Amino acid sequence: MEMIVVSNPVPFKKEPEILNELFDQGLLVFHLRKPEYTETEYRKLLKEIKPEHHQKIALHQYHSLAAEFGIHRFHYPEKQRTERVIPPKLKGQTYSTSVHYLEDFGQNLSCFDYLLMGPVFNSISKTEYKAMNHKNHPNQLNNNTIKIFGIGGITPGNGLKIQKYGFYGAAIMGYLWQQKDPVTAYQLLKKEWNTADQLS
């Protein structure tokens, strides 16, 4: 099962060092979401990430920085999608977006390579975000052409349910950044899920 890591939305102690270590440990996709950052702060963080890892980063803001850092992944939140302000996708680019309700699948999502859908469980970082109805998970959808990653409240204790519900993979945020050592927490999740994949 594939894993995406979403950044802490606020500054995090030793964040660049942690991100570089996560990439070195095998993280393939990282979503950089810093809604309160200025473009200068956003660029500074990107500069502190090893250049060889830039291609693994999906930008949530300041997409204009992509050319400067050789980034080809772009995330468009729900508001941008519904307002139809998404530029045409160029060759080699990867687009993602977020959905919360089954009704969202009635929209044209064909330009997106994958979706983040949730919260699957009660959100850790946004306590007001409660779990979706498990009867309405993507395994019951007819559209399987887009990869769907579950997000929200995912921990080592419930992560394996993501596969049961029919998700392609999982996006981790709150749990990881609440740990004293996010890298070790990532390794534990990865080990647990790799073991489950081998047994399935």
N, C-alpha and C. Protein backbone atom coordinates (compact mmCIF):
# COMPACT_ATOMS: atom_id res chain seq x y z
N MET A 1 0.84 -1.19 0.00
CA MET A 1 0.00 0.00 0.00
C MET A 1 0.88 1.24 0.00
N GLU A 2 0.58 2.15 -0.89
CA GLU A 2 1.39 3.36 -1.00
C GLU A 2 1.04 4.38 0.09
N MET A 3 2.06 5.14 0.49
CA MET A 3 1.89 6.13 1.54
C MET A 3 2.33 7.51 1.07
N ILE A 4 1.49 8.50 1.33
CA ILE A 4 1.82 9.90 1.10
C ILE A 4 1.93 10.57 2.45
N VAL A 5 2.88 11.50 2.59
CA VAL A 5 2.97 12.31 3.81
C VAL A 5 2.59 13.74 3.45
N VAL A 6 1.72 14.32 4.27
CA VAL A 6 1.32 15.72 4.11
C VAL A 6 2.00 16.52 5.21
N SER A 7 2.54 17.67 4.87
CA SER A 7 3.29 18.47 5.83
C SER A 7 2.42 18.97 6.98
N ASN A 8 3.08 19.27 8.09
CA ASN A 8 2.41 20.01 9.15
C ASN A 8 2.08 21.38 8.57
N PRO A 9 0.86 21.87 8.73
CA PRO A 9 0.50 23.15 8.11
C PRO A 9 1.23 24.35 8.71
N VAL A 10 1.81 24.18 9.89
CA VAL A 10 2.53 25.27 10.56
C VAL A 10 4.01 24.90 10.65
N PRO A 11 4.89 25.86 10.96
CA PRO A 11 6.32 25.54 11.08
C PRO A 11 6.55 24.43 12.09
N PHE A 12 7.54 23.59 11.81
CA PHE A 12 7.85 22.45 12.65
C PHE A 12 9.34 22.42 12.92
N LYS A 13 9.71 22.17 14.17
CA LYS A 13 11.12 22.19 14.56
C LYS A 13 11.93 21.19 13.74
N LYS A 14 13.04 21.65 13.18
CA LYS A 14 13.95 20.83 12.36
C LYS A 14 13.22 20.19 11.18
N GLU A 15 12.26 20.92 10.65
CA GLU A 15 11.45 20.36 9.56
C GLU A 15 12.28 19.95 8.33
N PRO A 16 13.18 20.79 7.83
CA PRO A 16 13.95 20.37 6.64
C PRO A 16 14.75 19.08 6.87
N GLU A 17 15.37 18.96 8.04
CA GLU A 17 16.14 17.76 8.34
C GLU A 17 15.24 16.52 8.38
N ILE A 18 14.05 16.68 8.97
CA ILE A 18 13.11 15.56 9.06
C ILE A 18 12.63 15.16 7.67
N LEU A 19 12.33 16.14 6.84
CA LEU A 19 11.84 15.85 5.50
C LEU A 19 12.91 15.13 4.67
N ASN A 20 14.13 15.62 4.74
CA ASN A 20 15.21 14.96 4.00
C ASN A 20 15.40 13.52 4.47
N GLU A 21 15.25 13.28 5.77
CA GLU A 21 15.40 11.93 6.30
C GLU A 21 14.24 11.04 5.85
N LEU A 22 13.03 11.59 5.82
CA LEU A 22 11.88 10.82 5.34
C LEU A 22 12.09 10.39 3.89
N PHE A 23 12.56 11.32 3.07
CA PHE A 23 12.84 10.98 1.68
C PHE A 23 13.93 9.91 1.59
N ASP A 24 14.97 10.08 2.40
CA ASP A 24 16.07 9.10 2.38
C ASP A 24 15.59 7.73 2.83
N GLN A 25 14.53 7.70 3.65
CA GLN A 25 13.98 6.42 4.14
C GLN A 25 13.00 5.80 3.15
N GLY A 26 12.80 6.47 2.02
CA GLY A 26 11.96 5.87 0.98
C GLY A 26 10.65 6.55 0.67
N LEU A 27 10.36 7.69 1.31
CA LEU A 27 9.13 8.41 1.01
C LEU A 27 9.14 8.87 -0.44
N LEU A 28 8.08 8.53 -1.17
CA LEU A 28 8.04 8.80 -2.61
C LEU A 28 7.22 10.04 -2.97
N VAL A 29 6.23 10.39 -2.12
CA VAL A 29 5.39 11.56 -2.41
C VAL A 29 5.15 12.34 -1.13
N PHE A 30 5.44 13.64 -1.18
CA PHE A 30 5.26 14.53 -0.04
C PHE A 30 4.45 15.74 -0.48
N HIS A 31 3.38 16.04 0.23
CA HIS A 31 2.55 17.20 -0.08
C HIS A 31 2.94 18.37 0.82
N LEU A 32 3.41 19.43 0.20
CA LEU A 32 3.83 20.62 0.94
C LEU A 32 2.65 21.58 1.03
N ARG A 33 2.01 21.58 2.19
CA ARG A 33 0.83 22.41 2.43
C ARG A 33 1.12 23.35 3.61
N LYS A 34 1.31 24.61 3.30
CA LYS A 34 1.58 25.62 4.31
C LYS A 34 0.69 26.84 4.04
N PRO A 35 -0.59 26.76 4.38
CA PRO A 35 -1.55 27.80 3.99
C PRO A 35 -1.22 29.20 4.47
N GLU A 36 -0.46 29.33 5.56
CA GLU A 36 -0.17 30.66 6.09
C GLU A 36 1.22 31.17 5.68
N TYR A 37 1.96 30.38 4.92
CA TYR A 37 3.31 30.78 4.53
C TYR A 37 3.28 31.84 3.42
N THR A 38 4.22 32.75 3.49
CA THR A 38 4.45 33.66 2.38
C THR A 38 5.23 32.90 1.31
N GLU A 39 5.31 33.45 0.13
CA GLU A 39 6.08 32.80 -0.93
C GLU A 39 7.56 32.71 -0.54
N THR A 40 8.05 33.70 0.17
CA THR A 40 9.45 33.68 0.62
C THR A 40 9.70 32.54 1.58
N GLU A 41 8.79 32.33 2.53
CA GLU A 41 8.93 31.24 3.50
C GLU A 41 8.82 29.88 2.81
N TYR A 42 7.92 29.79 1.86
CA TYR A 42 7.71 28.55 1.12
C TYR A 42 8.97 28.20 0.31
N ARG A 43 9.54 29.20 -0.36
CA ARG A 43 10.75 28.99 -1.15
C ARG A 43 11.92 28.58 -0.25
N LYS A 44 12.03 29.22 0.91
CA LYS A 44 13.13 28.92 1.84
C LYS A 44 13.09 27.45 2.25
N LEU A 45 11.90 26.94 2.54
CA LEU A 45 11.79 25.53 2.94
C LEU A 45 12.17 24.62 1.77
N LEU A 46 11.73 24.95 0.58
CA LEU A 46 12.08 24.14 -0.58
C LEU A 46 13.60 24.11 -0.80
N LYS A 47 14.24 25.23 -0.58
CA LYS A 47 15.69 25.31 -0.76
C LYS A 47 16.44 24.43 0.24
N GLU A 48 15.82 24.17 1.39
CA GLU A 48 16.47 23.37 2.43
C GLU A 48 16.24 21.87 2.24
N ILE A 49 15.46 21.51 1.24
CA ILE A 49 15.25 20.10 0.90
C ILE A 49 16.23 19.74 -0.21
N LYS A 50 16.84 18.58 -0.10
CA LYS A 50 17.83 18.16 -1.09
C LYS A 50 17.24 18.20 -2.50
N PRO A 51 17.97 18.74 -3.46
CA PRO A 51 17.45 18.84 -4.83
C PRO A 51 16.98 17.51 -5.42
N GLU A 52 17.64 16.42 -5.05
CA GLU A 52 17.25 15.12 -5.61
C GLU A 52 15.87 14.67 -5.16
N HIS A 53 15.32 15.35 -4.14
CA HIS A 53 14.00 14.98 -3.64
C HIS A 53 12.89 15.91 -4.15
N HIS A 54 13.24 16.95 -4.85
CA HIS A 54 12.23 17.93 -5.28
C HIS A 54 11.15 17.31 -6.16
N GLN A 55 11.52 16.32 -6.96
CA GLN A 55 10.56 15.70 -7.86
C GLN A 55 9.49 14.90 -7.11
N LYS A 56 9.71 14.66 -5.82
CA LYS A 56 8.75 13.91 -5.01
C LYS A 56 7.75 14.82 -4.29
N ILE A 57 7.90 16.13 -4.48
CA ILE A 57 7.09 17.10 -3.75
C ILE A 57 5.90 17.56 -4.58
N ALA A 58 4.72 17.59 -3.95
CA ALA A 58 3.52 18.15 -4.57
C ALA A 58 3.25 19.51 -3.92
N LEU A 59 3.16 20.53 -4.72
CA LEU A 59 2.95 21.89 -4.22
C LEU A 59 1.47 22.17 -4.02
N HIS A 60 1.12 22.66 -2.82
CA HIS A 60 -0.25 23.09 -2.56
C HIS A 60 -0.41 24.59 -2.79
N GLN A 61 0.65 25.33 -2.64
CA GLN A 61 0.64 26.77 -2.89
C GLN A 61 1.81 27.15 -3.80
N TYR A 62 1.74 28.36 -4.33
CA TYR A 62 2.85 28.95 -5.09
C TYR A 62 3.36 28.00 -6.18
N HIS A 63 2.43 27.58 -7.01
CA HIS A 63 2.78 26.68 -8.11
C HIS A 63 3.81 27.28 -9.05
N SER A 64 3.91 28.60 -9.04
CA SER A 64 4.87 29.26 -9.93
C SER A 64 6.32 28.91 -9.57
N LEU A 65 6.55 28.36 -8.38
CA LEU A 65 7.89 27.98 -7.96
C LEU A 65 8.34 26.65 -8.58
N ALA A 66 7.43 25.96 -9.22
CA ALA A 66 7.73 24.62 -9.72
C ALA A 66 8.92 24.60 -10.67
N ALA A 67 8.96 25.53 -11.61
CA ALA A 67 10.04 25.55 -12.60
C ALA A 67 11.39 25.78 -11.93
N GLU A 68 11.41 26.63 -10.91
CA GLU A 68 12.65 26.94 -10.20
C GLU A 68 13.25 25.71 -9.52
N PHE A 69 12.38 24.81 -9.06
CA PHE A 69 12.85 23.65 -8.28
C PHE A 69 12.68 22.32 -9.02
N GLY A 70 12.28 22.37 -10.26
CA GLY A 70 12.13 21.14 -11.02
C GLY A 70 11.02 20.25 -10.50
N ILE A 71 9.92 20.86 -10.05
CA ILE A 71 8.79 20.13 -9.48
C ILE A 71 7.69 19.98 -10.53
N HIS A 72 7.09 18.79 -10.58
CA HIS A 72 6.04 18.55 -11.57
C HIS A 72 4.73 18.07 -10.95
N ARG A 73 4.66 18.10 -9.61
CA ARG A 73 3.44 17.66 -8.92
C ARG A 73 2.68 18.88 -8.38
N PHE A 74 1.37 18.92 -8.62
CA PHE A 74 0.56 20.06 -8.23
C PHE A 74 -0.74 19.58 -7.58
N HIS A 75 -1.03 20.13 -6.40
CA HIS A 75 -2.28 19.80 -5.73
C HIS A 75 -3.22 21.00 -5.81
N TYR A 76 -4.47 20.71 -6.17
CA TYR A 76 -5.49 21.75 -6.27
C TYR A 76 -6.60 21.44 -5.26
N PRO A 77 -6.74 22.29 -4.24
CA PRO A 77 -7.77 22.03 -3.24
C PRO A 77 -9.16 22.16 -3.84
N GLU A 78 -10.12 21.73 -3.05
CA GLU A 78 -11.50 21.67 -3.50
C GLU A 78 -12.00 23.00 -4.06
N LYS A 79 -11.66 24.10 -3.40
CA LYS A 79 -12.15 25.41 -3.83
C LYS A 79 -11.70 25.74 -5.25
N GLN A 80 -10.41 25.49 -5.55
CA GLN A 80 -9.91 25.76 -6.88
C GLN A 80 -10.57 24.87 -7.92
N ARG A 81 -10.84 23.64 -7.52
CA ARG A 81 -11.46 22.70 -8.45
C ARG A 81 -12.89 23.13 -8.78
N THR A 82 -13.64 23.51 -7.76
CA THR A 82 -15.03 23.88 -7.98
C THR A 82 -15.15 25.22 -8.70
N GLU A 83 -14.15 26.08 -8.54
CA GLU A 83 -14.16 27.37 -9.23
C GLU A 83 -13.55 27.28 -10.63
N ARG A 84 -13.08 26.08 -10.97
CA ARG A 84 -12.56 25.79 -12.31
C ARG A 84 -11.41 26.73 -12.69
N VAL A 85 -10.45 26.85 -11.80
CA VAL A 85 -9.28 27.70 -12.08
C VAL A 85 -8.03 26.84 -12.21
N ILE A 86 -8.20 25.64 -12.75
CA ILE A 86 -7.08 24.70 -12.89
C ILE A 86 -6.55 24.77 -14.31
N PRO A 87 -5.26 25.06 -14.49
CA PRO A 87 -4.69 25.15 -15.84
C PRO A 87 -4.59 23.78 -16.49
N PRO A 88 -4.53 23.74 -17.81
CA PRO A 88 -4.38 22.45 -18.50
C PRO A 88 -3.10 21.75 -18.05
N LYS A 89 -3.18 20.43 -17.89
CA LYS A 89 -2.02 19.66 -17.45
C LYS A 89 -1.07 19.43 -18.61
N LEU A 90 0.21 19.72 -18.38
CA LEU A 90 1.23 19.52 -19.39
C LEU A 90 1.84 18.12 -19.26
N LYS A 91 2.48 17.67 -20.30
CA LYS A 91 3.11 16.36 -20.29
C LYS A 91 4.12 16.25 -19.15
N GLY A 92 4.06 15.17 -18.41
CA GLY A 92 4.98 14.95 -17.30
C GLY A 92 4.51 15.49 -15.98
N GLN A 93 3.41 16.25 -15.97
CA GLN A 93 2.90 16.80 -14.71
C GLN A 93 1.93 15.82 -14.05
N THR A 94 1.85 15.89 -12.72
CA THR A 94 0.94 15.07 -11.94
C THR A 94 0.01 15.98 -11.15
N TYR A 95 -1.29 15.79 -11.30
CA TYR A 95 -2.28 16.61 -10.61
C TYR A 95 -3.00 15.77 -9.55
N SER A 96 -3.28 16.40 -8.41
CA SER A 96 -4.09 15.76 -7.38
C SER A 96 -5.06 16.78 -6.83
N THR A 97 -6.11 16.27 -6.15
CA THR A 97 -7.08 17.15 -5.52
C THR A 97 -7.65 16.44 -4.30
N SER A 98 -8.50 17.14 -3.56
CA SER A 98 -9.11 16.58 -2.35
C SER A 98 -10.62 16.50 -2.53
N VAL A 99 -11.22 15.41 -2.03
CA VAL A 99 -12.67 15.27 -2.05
C VAL A 99 -13.11 14.82 -0.66
N HIS A 100 -14.35 15.18 -0.32
CA HIS A 100 -14.87 14.83 1.01
C HIS A 100 -16.17 14.04 0.94
N TYR A 101 -16.88 14.17 -0.17
CA TYR A 101 -18.19 13.53 -0.28
C TYR A 101 -18.29 12.76 -1.59
N LEU A 102 -19.13 11.74 -1.59
CA LEU A 102 -19.33 10.97 -2.81
C LEU A 102 -19.86 11.85 -3.93
N GLU A 103 -20.59 12.90 -3.56
CA GLU A 103 -21.14 13.78 -4.58
C GLU A 103 -20.03 14.45 -5.39
N ASP A 104 -18.84 14.56 -4.80
CA ASP A 104 -17.72 15.19 -5.52
C ASP A 104 -17.35 14.41 -6.77
N PHE A 105 -17.67 13.11 -6.77
CA PHE A 105 -17.29 12.29 -7.92
C PHE A 105 -18.19 12.55 -9.12
N GLY A 106 -19.24 13.34 -8.90
CA GLY A 106 -20.07 13.73 -10.03
C GLY A 106 -19.43 14.83 -10.86
N GLN A 107 -18.39 15.46 -10.30
CA GLN A 107 -17.66 16.50 -11.01
C GLN A 107 -16.66 15.84 -11.97
N ASN A 108 -16.16 16.64 -12.88
CA ASN A 108 -15.17 16.11 -13.83
C ASN A 108 -13.80 16.06 -13.14
N LEU A 109 -13.34 14.86 -12.83
CA LEU A 109 -12.07 14.66 -12.15
C LEU A 109 -11.04 14.02 -13.07
N SER A 110 -11.33 14.00 -14.35
CA SER A 110 -10.50 13.24 -15.29
C SER A 110 -9.07 13.77 -15.42
N CYS A 111 -8.84 15.05 -15.08
CA CYS A 111 -7.49 15.59 -15.22
C CYS A 111 -6.59 15.23 -14.04
N PHE A 112 -7.17 14.62 -13.00
CA PHE A 112 -6.39 14.31 -11.79
C PHE A 112 -5.86 12.88 -11.82
N ASP A 113 -4.63 12.72 -11.34
CA ASP A 113 -4.00 11.41 -11.29
C ASP A 113 -4.36 10.65 -10.03
N TYR A 114 -4.63 11.39 -8.94
CA TYR A 114 -5.07 10.74 -7.71
C TYR A 114 -5.80 11.73 -6.83
N LEU A 115 -6.54 11.21 -5.86
CA LEU A 115 -7.35 12.02 -4.95
C LEU A 115 -6.98 11.71 -3.51
N LEU A 116 -7.13 12.71 -2.65
CA LEU A 116 -7.09 12.51 -1.21
C LEU A 116 -8.53 12.59 -0.73
N MET A 117 -9.02 11.55 -0.08
CA MET A 117 -10.42 11.51 0.34
C MET A 117 -10.53 11.22 1.83
N GLY A 118 -11.33 12.01 2.52
CA GLY A 118 -11.51 11.79 3.94
C GLY A 118 -12.29 12.90 4.61
N PRO A 119 -12.32 12.91 5.93
CA PRO A 119 -11.53 12.03 6.80
C PRO A 119 -12.09 10.61 6.89
N VAL A 120 -11.16 9.65 6.79
CA VAL A 120 -11.55 8.24 6.92
C VAL A 120 -11.93 7.94 8.36
N PHE A 121 -11.10 8.43 9.29
CA PHE A 121 -11.37 8.32 10.72
C PHE A 121 -11.43 9.74 11.28
N ASN A 122 -11.81 9.88 12.54
CA ASN A 122 -11.83 11.22 13.13
C ASN A 122 -10.46 11.86 12.99
N SER A 123 -10.43 13.06 12.44
CA SER A 123 -9.17 13.73 12.18
C SER A 123 -8.40 14.02 13.45
N ILE A 124 -7.09 13.85 13.39
CA ILE A 124 -6.22 14.13 14.53
C ILE A 124 -5.86 15.61 14.57
N SER A 125 -5.55 16.18 13.41
CA SER A 125 -5.12 17.57 13.35
C SER A 125 -6.29 18.56 13.35
N LYS A 126 -7.46 18.12 12.87
CA LYS A 126 -8.65 18.97 12.84
C LYS A 126 -9.77 18.22 13.55
N THR A 127 -9.86 18.42 14.86
CA THR A 127 -10.76 17.60 15.68
C THR A 127 -12.23 17.76 15.30
N GLU A 128 -12.57 18.85 14.63
CA GLU A 128 -13.96 19.06 14.23
C GLU A 128 -14.33 18.22 13.00
N TYR A 129 -13.33 17.62 12.34
CA TYR A 129 -13.56 16.79 11.17
C TYR A 129 -13.80 15.35 11.62
N LYS A 130 -15.02 14.89 11.47
CA LYS A 130 -15.37 13.54 11.93
C LYS A 130 -15.31 12.54 10.78
N ALA A 131 -15.21 11.27 11.15
CA ALA A 131 -15.04 10.20 10.16
C ALA A 131 -16.20 10.13 9.19
N MET A 132 -15.87 9.72 7.97
CA MET A 132 -16.88 9.46 6.96
C MET A 132 -17.67 8.23 7.34
N ASN A 133 -18.81 8.08 6.71
CA ASN A 133 -19.59 6.85 6.86
C ASN A 133 -18.87 5.73 6.12
N HIS A 134 -18.44 4.69 6.84
CA HIS A 134 -17.65 3.63 6.22
C HIS A 134 -18.41 2.88 5.12
N LYS A 135 -19.72 3.00 5.11
CA LYS A 135 -20.50 2.35 4.06
C LYS A 135 -20.32 3.06 2.72
N ASN A 136 -19.79 4.27 2.77
CA ASN A 136 -19.67 5.07 1.55
C ASN A 136 -18.23 5.24 1.09
N HIS A 137 -17.39 4.25 1.33
CA HIS A 137 -16.00 4.35 0.93
C HIS A 137 -15.82 4.00 -0.54
N PRO A 138 -14.68 4.35 -1.11
CA PRO A 138 -14.48 4.21 -2.56
C PRO A 138 -14.58 2.80 -3.11
N ASN A 139 -14.53 1.78 -2.25
CA ASN A 139 -14.65 0.43 -2.79
C ASN A 139 -16.04 0.19 -3.37
N GLN A 140 -16.99 1.06 -3.07
CA GLN A 140 -18.34 0.92 -3.61
C GLN A 140 -18.56 1.82 -4.81
N LEU A 141 -17.54 2.56 -5.21
CA LEU A 141 -17.66 3.43 -6.37
C LEU A 141 -17.36 2.65 -7.64
N ASN A 142 -17.99 3.04 -8.71
CA ASN A 142 -17.74 2.39 -9.99
C ASN A 142 -16.51 2.96 -10.68
N ASN A 143 -16.11 4.16 -10.30
CA ASN A 143 -14.98 4.81 -10.95
C ASN A 143 -13.68 4.41 -10.25
N ASN A 144 -12.93 3.50 -10.85
CA ASN A 144 -11.67 3.06 -10.27
C ASN A 144 -10.48 3.50 -11.11
N THR A 145 -10.71 4.45 -12.00
CA THR A 145 -9.63 4.88 -12.89
C THR A 145 -8.69 5.86 -12.20
N ILE A 146 -9.11 6.45 -11.10
CA ILE A 146 -8.28 7.40 -10.36
C ILE A 146 -7.87 6.78 -9.03
N LYS A 147 -6.60 6.87 -8.69
CA LYS A 147 -6.12 6.34 -7.42
C LYS A 147 -6.67 7.19 -6.27
N ILE A 148 -7.20 6.54 -5.25
CA ILE A 148 -7.81 7.25 -4.13
C ILE A 148 -7.06 6.91 -2.84
N PHE A 149 -6.52 7.95 -2.22
CA PHE A 149 -5.79 7.81 -0.97
C PHE A 149 -6.67 8.30 0.18
N GLY A 150 -6.81 7.46 1.20
CA GLY A 150 -7.55 7.87 2.37
C GLY A 150 -6.71 8.79 3.23
N ILE A 151 -7.35 9.79 3.84
CA ILE A 151 -6.66 10.72 4.72
C ILE A 151 -7.55 11.02 5.92
N GLY A 152 -6.93 11.30 7.06
CA GLY A 152 -7.68 11.68 8.24
C GLY A 152 -7.69 10.63 9.33
N GLY A 153 -6.98 10.91 10.44
CA GLY A 153 -7.01 10.03 11.60
C GLY A 153 -6.30 8.71 11.45
N ILE A 154 -5.40 8.60 10.48
CA ILE A 154 -4.74 7.32 10.22
C ILE A 154 -3.54 7.13 11.15
N THR A 155 -3.50 5.99 11.82
CA THR A 155 -2.45 5.65 12.79
C THR A 155 -2.01 4.20 12.57
N PRO A 156 -0.96 3.75 13.25
CA PRO A 156 -0.59 2.33 13.13
C PRO A 156 -1.72 1.40 13.53
N GLY A 157 -2.57 1.84 14.44
CA GLY A 157 -3.64 0.97 14.92
C GLY A 157 -4.77 0.77 13.93
N ASN A 158 -4.99 1.72 13.03
CA ASN A 158 -6.12 1.57 12.11
C ASN A 158 -5.72 1.64 10.63
N GLY A 159 -4.44 1.83 10.37
CA GLY A 159 -4.00 2.02 8.99
C GLY A 159 -4.35 0.88 8.06
N LEU A 160 -4.34 -0.35 8.57
CA LEU A 160 -4.61 -1.49 7.72
C LEU A 160 -6.06 -1.54 7.25
N LYS A 161 -6.94 -0.82 7.95
CA LYS A 161 -8.34 -0.77 7.53
C LYS A 161 -8.48 -0.03 6.21
N ILE A 162 -7.48 0.80 5.90
CA ILE A 162 -7.52 1.55 4.65
C ILE A 162 -7.65 0.60 3.47
N GLN A 163 -6.89 -0.48 3.50
CA GLN A 163 -6.97 -1.48 2.43
C GLN A 163 -8.35 -2.13 2.40
N LYS A 164 -8.87 -2.44 3.58
CA LYS A 164 -10.18 -3.09 3.68
C LYS A 164 -11.27 -2.22 3.07
N TYR A 165 -11.15 -0.92 3.25
CA TYR A 165 -12.17 -0.01 2.74
C TYR A 165 -12.04 0.22 1.23
N GLY A 166 -10.96 -0.25 0.64
CA GLY A 166 -10.82 -0.13 -0.79
C GLY A 166 -9.96 1.00 -1.30
N PHE A 167 -9.26 1.69 -0.41
CA PHE A 167 -8.39 2.78 -0.84
C PHE A 167 -7.12 2.24 -1.49
N TYR A 168 -6.58 3.00 -2.41
CA TYR A 168 -5.34 2.63 -3.07
C TYR A 168 -4.15 2.78 -2.11
N GLY A 169 -4.22 3.80 -1.25
CA GLY A 169 -3.15 4.05 -0.29
C GLY A 169 -3.64 5.01 0.78
N ALA A 170 -2.70 5.56 1.54
CA ALA A 170 -3.05 6.43 2.66
C ALA A 170 -2.17 7.67 2.68
N ALA A 171 -2.75 8.77 3.10
CA ALA A 171 -2.02 10.02 3.27
C ALA A 171 -1.97 10.32 4.77
N ILE A 172 -0.77 10.49 5.30
CA ILE A 172 -0.56 10.67 6.74
C ILE A 172 -0.22 12.12 7.04
N MET A 173 -0.85 12.67 8.08
CA MET A 173 -0.51 14.03 8.48
C MET A 173 -0.47 14.16 10.01
N GLY A 174 -1.63 14.27 10.64
CA GLY A 174 -1.70 14.58 12.06
C GLY A 174 -0.91 13.64 12.95
N TYR A 175 -1.08 12.33 12.75
CA TYR A 175 -0.39 11.36 13.60
C TYR A 175 1.13 11.56 13.55
N LEU A 176 1.64 11.71 12.35
CA LEU A 176 3.10 11.79 12.17
C LEU A 176 3.69 12.99 12.90
N TRP A 177 3.03 14.14 12.75
CA TRP A 177 3.61 15.38 13.28
C TRP A 177 3.34 15.59 14.75
N GLN A 178 2.58 14.69 15.35
CA GLN A 178 2.38 14.75 16.80
C GLN A 178 3.36 13.87 17.56
N GLN A 179 4.20 13.14 16.82
CA GLN A 179 5.19 12.27 17.45
C GLN A 179 6.49 13.04 17.72
N LYS A 180 7.20 12.63 18.77
CA LYS A 180 8.49 13.27 19.07
C LYS A 180 9.49 13.00 17.96
N ASP A 181 9.38 11.84 17.34
CA ASP A 181 10.29 11.47 16.27
C ASP A 181 9.47 11.03 15.05
N PRO A 182 9.11 11.97 14.17
CA PRO A 182 8.29 11.64 13.00
C PRO A 182 8.92 10.59 12.10
N VAL A 183 10.25 10.57 12.00
CA VAL A 183 10.92 9.61 11.13
C VAL A 183 10.70 8.19 11.63
N THR A 184 10.86 7.97 12.94
CA THR A 184 10.62 6.65 13.52
C THR A 184 9.17 6.25 13.36
N ALA A 185 8.25 7.20 13.54
CA ALA A 185 6.83 6.92 13.37
C ALA A 185 6.54 6.49 11.93
N TYR A 186 7.16 7.15 10.98
CA TYR A 186 7.00 6.79 9.57
C TYR A 186 7.52 5.37 9.32
N GLN A 187 8.67 5.06 9.88
CA GLN A 187 9.26 3.74 9.69
C GLN A 187 8.35 2.63 10.25
N LEU A 188 7.73 2.90 11.40
CA LEU A 188 6.83 1.91 12.00
C LEU A 188 5.61 1.67 11.12
N LEU A 189 5.04 2.75 10.61
CA LEU A 189 3.90 2.62 9.71
C LEU A 189 4.27 1.83 8.46
N LYS A 190 5.41 2.19 7.89
CA LYS A 190 5.87 1.55 6.66
C LYS A 190 6.10 0.05 6.89
N LYS A 191 6.71 -0.28 8.02
CA LYS A 191 6.99 -1.69 8.33
C LYS A 191 5.70 -2.47 8.50
N GLU A 192 4.75 -1.89 9.21
CA GLU A 192 3.47 -2.56 9.45
C GLU A 192 2.74 -2.82 8.14
N TRP A 193 2.72 -1.82 7.27
CA TRP A 193 1.98 -1.95 6.02
C TRP A 193 2.69 -2.88 5.04
N ASN A 194 4.01 -2.86 5.04
CA ASN A 194 4.76 -3.78 4.17
C ASN A 194 4.51 -5.23 4.57
N THR A 195 4.44 -5.47 5.88
CA THR A 195 4.16 -6.81 6.38
C THR A 195 2.78 -7.26 5.96
N ALA A 196 1.80 -6.34 6.05
CA ALA A 196 0.44 -6.67 5.66
C ALA A 196 0.35 -6.96 4.17
N ASP A 197 1.08 -6.20 3.36
CA ASP A 197 1.10 -6.44 1.92
C ASP A 197 1.63 -7.83 1.59
N GLN A 198 2.65 -8.26 2.34
CA GLN A 198 3.25 -9.57 2.08
C GLN A 198 2.29 -10.71 2.46
N LEU A 199 1.46 -10.44 3.46
CA LEU A 199 0.53 -11.46 3.94
C LEU A 199 -0.75 -11.53 3.12
N SER A 200 -1.05 -10.43 2.41
CA SER A 200 -2.30 -10.37 1.66
C SER A 200 -2.22 -11.14 0.35
